[in-house]
Amino acid sequence: MGKQTNPPVCEIECVHADKVDELRPVVSALGGVGEFVTNLADDTRFKVLYALSQSELCVCDVAAVVGVTSAAASYHLRLLYRTGLVDYRRDGRLVYYRLADEALRPVLEAIRTYLSR
């Protein structure tokens, strides 16, 4: 037997004020989450982020690991840079990318673990 097409809803209106008062300020502060999640929702950008969570990589390495052209890798890295998720450094003629914030590493690992179940 499959899931119901319509999930059940409350038959009466009953707001639990204590829970609402506790959660409302936290939930209100979640602005900008859409742009962040949009980057994670794109398979290629997630793969790029995950690879960078494991090692600092040049553009050519990112392209090879993810299996895209250098132009495509550059495009995705540019988007991730503009949204503040990755940073880079120059070393002569090479450009190396890394996560902008190491706090993202456990999030990416948790998603990878969840998807590999």
N, C-alpha and C. Protein backbone atom coordinates (compact mmCIF):
# COMPACT_ATOMS: atom_id res chain seq x y z
N MET A 1 0.84 -1.18 0.00
CA MET A 1 0.00 0.00 0.00
C MET A 1 0.88 1.24 0.00
N GLY A 2 0.64 2.19 -0.90
CA GLY A 2 1.43 3.40 -1.02
C GLY A 2 1.01 4.48 -0.05
N LYS A 3 1.70 5.60 -0.11
CA LYS A 3 1.37 6.74 0.73
C LYS A 3 0.07 7.37 0.26
N GLN A 4 -0.61 8.00 1.20
CA GLN A 4 -1.82 8.74 0.85
C GLN A 4 -1.44 9.90 -0.07
N THR A 5 -2.35 10.28 -0.95
CA THR A 5 -2.05 11.39 -1.85
C THR A 5 -2.09 12.72 -1.12
N ASN A 6 -2.93 12.85 -0.13
CA ASN A 6 -3.02 14.07 0.66
C ASN A 6 -2.64 13.77 2.10
N PRO A 7 -1.61 14.43 2.62
CA PRO A 7 -1.24 14.18 4.01
C PRO A 7 -2.32 14.69 4.96
N PRO A 8 -2.44 14.09 6.12
CA PRO A 8 -3.49 14.52 7.07
C PRO A 8 -3.20 15.92 7.61
N VAL A 9 -4.25 16.64 7.95
CA VAL A 9 -4.15 17.97 8.56
C VAL A 9 -4.98 18.00 9.83
N CYS A 10 -4.69 18.98 10.69
CA CYS A 10 -5.44 19.11 11.93
C CYS A 10 -6.91 19.39 11.63
N GLU A 11 -7.76 18.85 12.45
CA GLU A 11 -9.19 19.08 12.26
C GLU A 11 -9.68 20.28 13.05
N ILE A 12 -8.86 20.76 13.98
CA ILE A 12 -9.17 21.98 14.74
C ILE A 12 -7.94 22.88 14.70
N GLU A 13 -8.16 24.18 14.92
CA GLU A 13 -7.03 25.09 14.98
C GLU A 13 -6.55 25.20 16.41
N CYS A 14 -5.28 24.90 16.61
CA CYS A 14 -4.71 24.91 17.95
C CYS A 14 -3.24 25.31 17.83
N VAL A 15 -2.90 26.54 18.18
CA VAL A 15 -1.53 27.01 18.10
C VAL A 15 -0.87 26.79 19.45
N HIS A 16 0.28 26.11 19.43
CA HIS A 16 1.04 25.86 20.66
C HIS A 16 1.99 27.04 20.84
N ALA A 17 1.56 28.04 21.59
CA ALA A 17 2.27 29.32 21.71
C ALA A 17 3.71 29.15 22.18
N ASP A 18 3.96 28.22 23.09
CA ASP A 18 5.32 28.04 23.60
C ASP A 18 6.27 27.61 22.50
N LYS A 19 5.83 26.69 21.67
CA LYS A 19 6.67 26.22 20.56
C LYS A 19 6.84 27.31 19.51
N VAL A 20 5.77 28.01 19.21
CA VAL A 20 5.82 29.08 18.21
C VAL A 20 6.75 30.19 18.68
N ASP A 21 6.63 30.60 19.94
CA ASP A 21 7.49 31.67 20.48
C ASP A 21 8.96 31.28 20.48
N GLU A 22 9.24 30.01 20.68
CA GLU A 22 10.63 29.53 20.69
C GLU A 22 11.20 29.48 19.26
N LEU A 23 10.41 29.02 18.31
CA LEU A 23 10.90 28.81 16.95
C LEU A 23 10.84 30.03 16.03
N ARG A 24 9.89 30.92 16.26
CA ARG A 24 9.68 32.05 15.35
C ARG A 24 10.96 32.87 15.13
N PRO A 25 11.70 33.29 16.17
CA PRO A 25 12.89 34.10 15.90
C PRO A 25 13.96 33.34 15.11
N VAL A 26 14.11 32.06 15.36
CA VAL A 26 15.11 31.26 14.65
C VAL A 26 14.72 31.13 13.18
N VAL A 27 13.47 30.82 12.92
CA VAL A 27 12.98 30.64 11.55
C VAL A 27 13.02 31.97 10.80
N SER A 28 12.70 33.07 11.47
CA SER A 28 12.73 34.39 10.83
C SER A 28 14.12 34.77 10.38
N ALA A 29 15.15 34.27 11.06
CA ALA A 29 16.53 34.61 10.73
C ALA A 29 17.08 33.76 9.58
N LEU A 30 16.28 32.90 8.99
CA LEU A 30 16.76 32.02 7.94
C LEU A 30 16.69 32.62 6.55
N GLY A 31 16.65 33.92 6.45
CA GLY A 31 16.64 34.58 5.14
C GLY A 31 17.89 34.24 4.34
N GLY A 32 17.77 34.09 3.05
CA GLY A 32 18.91 33.77 2.20
C GLY A 32 19.16 32.29 2.03
N VAL A 33 18.38 31.47 2.69
CA VAL A 33 18.59 30.02 2.60
C VAL A 33 18.28 29.51 1.19
N GLY A 34 17.38 30.18 0.48
CA GLY A 34 17.02 29.73 -0.86
C GLY A 34 18.20 29.73 -1.81
N GLU A 35 18.98 30.81 -1.80
CA GLU A 35 20.15 30.89 -2.68
C GLU A 35 21.18 29.83 -2.31
N PHE A 36 21.37 29.61 -1.01
CA PHE A 36 22.31 28.59 -0.54
C PHE A 36 21.87 27.20 -1.01
N VAL A 37 20.61 26.88 -0.80
CA VAL A 37 20.09 25.56 -1.16
C VAL A 37 20.05 25.37 -2.67
N THR A 38 19.84 26.44 -3.42
CA THR A 38 19.86 26.35 -4.87
C THR A 38 21.22 25.85 -5.35
N ASN A 39 22.29 26.32 -4.72
CA ASN A 39 23.63 25.84 -5.09
C ASN A 39 23.81 24.37 -4.76
N LEU A 40 23.24 23.93 -3.66
CA LEU A 40 23.34 22.52 -3.28
C LEU A 40 22.44 21.65 -4.15
N ALA A 41 21.37 22.24 -4.68
CA ALA A 41 20.41 21.47 -5.48
C ALA A 41 20.94 21.15 -6.87
N ASP A 42 21.92 21.88 -7.34
CA ASP A 42 22.50 21.60 -8.64
C ASP A 42 23.56 20.51 -8.47
N ASP A 43 23.40 19.39 -9.17
CA ASP A 43 24.31 18.25 -9.02
C ASP A 43 25.78 18.63 -9.22
N THR A 44 26.06 19.38 -10.27
CA THR A 44 27.45 19.73 -10.56
C THR A 44 28.02 20.62 -9.46
N ARG A 45 27.26 21.63 -9.03
CA ARG A 45 27.78 22.52 -7.98
C ARG A 45 27.95 21.78 -6.67
N PHE A 46 27.05 20.84 -6.37
CA PHE A 46 27.24 20.06 -5.14
C PHE A 46 28.52 19.23 -5.24
N LYS A 47 28.74 18.61 -6.39
CA LYS A 47 29.97 17.81 -6.57
C LYS A 47 31.21 18.69 -6.43
N VAL A 48 31.17 19.88 -7.00
CA VAL A 48 32.30 20.81 -6.88
C VAL A 48 32.53 21.15 -5.41
N LEU A 49 31.47 21.51 -4.72
CA LEU A 49 31.59 21.85 -3.30
C LEU A 49 32.13 20.68 -2.49
N TYR A 50 31.61 19.49 -2.77
CA TYR A 50 32.08 18.33 -2.02
C TYR A 50 33.57 18.08 -2.29
N ALA A 51 33.97 18.15 -3.55
CA ALA A 51 35.39 17.96 -3.88
C ALA A 51 36.26 18.99 -3.15
N LEU A 52 35.80 20.24 -3.13
CA LEU A 52 36.56 21.28 -2.45
C LEU A 52 36.54 21.12 -0.93
N SER A 53 35.57 20.39 -0.42
CA SER A 53 35.56 20.13 1.02
C SER A 53 36.63 19.11 1.40
N GLN A 54 37.13 18.39 0.40
CA GLN A 54 38.14 17.38 0.64
C GLN A 54 39.55 17.90 0.37
N SER A 55 39.66 18.89 -0.55
CA SER A 55 40.99 19.37 -0.91
C SER A 55 40.87 20.68 -1.68
N GLU A 56 41.87 21.52 -1.55
CA GLU A 56 41.98 22.70 -2.39
C GLU A 56 42.35 22.21 -3.79
N LEU A 57 41.66 22.71 -4.81
CA LEU A 57 41.86 22.23 -6.17
C LEU A 57 41.95 23.38 -7.16
N CYS A 58 42.77 23.20 -8.19
CA CYS A 58 42.78 24.19 -9.28
C CYS A 58 41.59 23.91 -10.19
N VAL A 59 41.30 24.84 -11.06
CA VAL A 59 40.15 24.72 -11.96
C VAL A 59 40.23 23.44 -12.79
N CYS A 60 41.42 23.13 -13.29
CA CYS A 60 41.58 21.92 -14.11
C CYS A 60 41.29 20.65 -13.29
N ASP A 61 41.72 20.64 -12.03
CA ASP A 61 41.45 19.50 -11.16
C ASP A 61 39.95 19.36 -10.90
N VAL A 62 39.29 20.48 -10.65
CA VAL A 62 37.84 20.45 -10.42
C VAL A 62 37.14 19.86 -11.64
N ALA A 63 37.53 20.32 -12.82
CA ALA A 63 36.92 19.82 -14.05
C ALA A 63 37.12 18.31 -14.19
N ALA A 64 38.32 17.84 -13.91
CA ALA A 64 38.62 16.41 -14.04
C ALA A 64 37.87 15.58 -13.01
N VAL A 65 37.81 16.05 -11.78
CA VAL A 65 37.13 15.30 -10.71
C VAL A 65 35.63 15.22 -10.99
N VAL A 66 35.04 16.32 -11.39
CA VAL A 66 33.59 16.38 -11.60
C VAL A 66 33.19 15.81 -12.95
N GLY A 67 34.12 15.79 -13.89
CA GLY A 67 33.82 15.25 -15.21
C GLY A 67 33.16 16.24 -16.14
N VAL A 68 33.60 17.50 -16.07
CA VAL A 68 33.08 18.54 -16.95
C VAL A 68 34.26 19.24 -17.62
N THR A 69 33.98 20.10 -18.56
CA THR A 69 35.04 20.88 -19.20
C THR A 69 35.57 21.93 -18.23
N SER A 70 36.73 22.46 -18.53
CA SER A 70 37.28 23.54 -17.71
C SER A 70 36.36 24.77 -17.74
N ALA A 71 35.74 25.01 -18.90
CA ALA A 71 34.82 26.14 -19.01
C ALA A 71 33.61 25.95 -18.09
N ALA A 72 33.07 24.73 -18.06
CA ALA A 72 31.92 24.46 -17.19
C ALA A 72 32.33 24.55 -15.72
N ALA A 73 33.51 24.04 -15.39
CA ALA A 73 33.99 24.13 -14.01
C ALA A 73 34.15 25.59 -13.61
N SER A 74 34.71 26.40 -14.50
CA SER A 74 34.88 27.84 -14.22
C SER A 74 33.54 28.52 -13.99
N TYR A 75 32.57 28.17 -14.80
CA TYR A 75 31.23 28.73 -14.66
C TYR A 75 30.66 28.43 -13.26
N HIS A 76 30.71 27.17 -12.85
CA HIS A 76 30.16 26.80 -11.55
C HIS A 76 30.96 27.40 -10.40
N LEU A 77 32.28 27.44 -10.55
CA LEU A 77 33.11 28.06 -9.51
C LEU A 77 32.81 29.56 -9.39
N ARG A 78 32.57 30.20 -10.51
CA ARG A 78 32.22 31.63 -10.49
C ARG A 78 30.91 31.86 -9.72
N LEU A 79 29.91 31.02 -9.98
CA LEU A 79 28.64 31.15 -9.25
C LEU A 79 28.84 30.90 -7.75
N LEU A 80 29.62 29.89 -7.42
CA LEU A 80 29.86 29.57 -6.01
C LEU A 80 30.67 30.67 -5.34
N TYR A 81 31.58 31.29 -6.07
CA TYR A 81 32.36 32.40 -5.52
C TYR A 81 31.46 33.61 -5.26
N ARG A 82 30.60 33.92 -6.23
CA ARG A 82 29.70 35.09 -6.09
C ARG A 82 28.75 34.95 -4.91
N THR A 83 28.39 33.72 -4.57
CA THR A 83 27.49 33.51 -3.44
C THR A 83 28.25 33.30 -2.13
N GLY A 84 29.57 33.40 -2.20
CA GLY A 84 30.37 33.34 -0.98
C GLY A 84 30.66 31.95 -0.45
N LEU A 85 30.40 30.93 -1.25
CA LEU A 85 30.63 29.56 -0.77
C LEU A 85 32.06 29.08 -1.00
N VAL A 86 32.74 29.63 -2.00
CA VAL A 86 34.13 29.26 -2.23
C VAL A 86 34.99 30.52 -2.30
N ASP A 87 36.26 30.31 -2.08
CA ASP A 87 37.25 31.38 -2.21
C ASP A 87 38.40 30.84 -3.04
N TYR A 88 39.31 31.68 -3.46
CA TYR A 88 40.41 31.22 -4.30
C TYR A 88 41.69 31.95 -3.93
N ARG A 89 42.78 31.38 -4.42
CA ARG A 89 44.09 32.03 -4.34
C ARG A 89 44.81 31.78 -5.65
N ARG A 90 45.65 32.72 -6.03
CA ARG A 90 46.47 32.58 -7.24
C ARG A 90 47.85 32.07 -6.85
N ASP A 91 48.37 31.20 -7.67
CA ASP A 91 49.74 30.73 -7.52
C ASP A 91 50.36 30.75 -8.92
N GLY A 92 50.95 31.89 -9.26
CA GLY A 92 51.46 32.06 -10.62
C GLY A 92 50.31 32.09 -11.60
N ARG A 93 50.32 31.15 -12.54
CA ARG A 93 49.27 31.10 -13.56
C ARG A 93 48.12 30.18 -13.17
N LEU A 94 48.21 29.56 -12.01
CA LEU A 94 47.15 28.67 -11.54
C LEU A 94 46.26 29.37 -10.52
N VAL A 95 44.99 28.96 -10.49
CA VAL A 95 44.04 29.47 -9.51
C VAL A 95 43.51 28.27 -8.73
N TYR A 96 43.66 28.32 -7.42
CA TYR A 96 43.22 27.24 -6.55
C TYR A 96 41.98 27.68 -5.77
N TYR A 97 40.98 26.80 -5.75
CA TYR A 97 39.74 27.07 -5.04
C TYR A 97 39.65 26.22 -3.78
N ARG A 98 38.92 26.75 -2.79
CA ARG A 98 38.67 26.06 -1.53
C ARG A 98 37.33 26.54 -0.99
N LEU A 99 36.81 25.82 -0.01
CA LEU A 99 35.60 26.29 0.66
C LEU A 99 35.90 27.61 1.35
N ALA A 100 34.97 28.54 1.29
CA ALA A 100 35.15 29.83 1.95
C ALA A 100 35.01 29.68 3.46
N ASP A 101 34.23 28.69 3.90
CA ASP A 101 34.00 28.49 5.32
C ASP A 101 34.02 26.99 5.60
N GLU A 102 34.93 26.58 6.46
CA GLU A 102 35.06 25.15 6.78
C GLU A 102 33.82 24.59 7.48
N ALA A 103 32.96 25.46 7.99
CA ALA A 103 31.72 25.01 8.64
C ALA A 103 30.80 24.31 7.65
N LEU A 104 31.03 24.52 6.37
CA LEU A 104 30.22 23.88 5.33
C LEU A 104 30.59 22.40 5.16
N ARG A 105 31.81 22.03 5.54
CA ARG A 105 32.28 20.65 5.34
C ARG A 105 31.36 19.60 5.96
N PRO A 106 30.97 19.71 7.24
CA PRO A 106 30.09 18.67 7.81
C PRO A 106 28.70 18.63 7.16
N VAL A 107 28.24 19.76 6.66
CA VAL A 107 26.94 19.79 5.96
C VAL A 107 27.04 18.96 4.69
N LEU A 108 28.09 19.18 3.91
CA LEU A 108 28.29 18.44 2.66
C LEU A 108 28.49 16.96 2.94
N GLU A 109 29.23 16.65 3.97
CA GLU A 109 29.46 15.24 4.32
C GLU A 109 28.16 14.56 4.75
N ALA A 110 27.33 15.28 5.51
CA ALA A 110 26.04 14.74 5.95
C ALA A 110 25.14 14.45 4.75
N ILE A 111 25.13 15.35 3.79
CA ILE A 111 24.31 15.15 2.57
C ILE A 111 24.84 13.95 1.80
N ARG A 112 26.16 13.87 1.63
CA ARG A 112 26.74 12.73 0.92
C ARG A 112 26.41 11.42 1.61
N THR A 113 26.51 11.40 2.92
CA THR A 113 26.18 10.19 3.69
C THR A 113 24.72 9.82 3.52
N TYR A 114 23.86 10.83 3.60
CA TYR A 114 22.42 10.58 3.45
C TYR A 114 22.12 10.00 2.07
N LEU A 115 22.73 10.56 1.04
CA LEU A 115 22.46 10.10 -0.33
C LEU A 115 23.02 8.71 -0.62
N SER A 116 24.03 8.30 0.13
CA SER A 116 24.64 6.98 -0.13
C SER A 116 23.98 5.86 0.66
N ARG A 117 22.91 6.15 1.37
CA ARG A 117 22.21 5.10 2.14
C ARG A 117 21.55 4.11 1.23
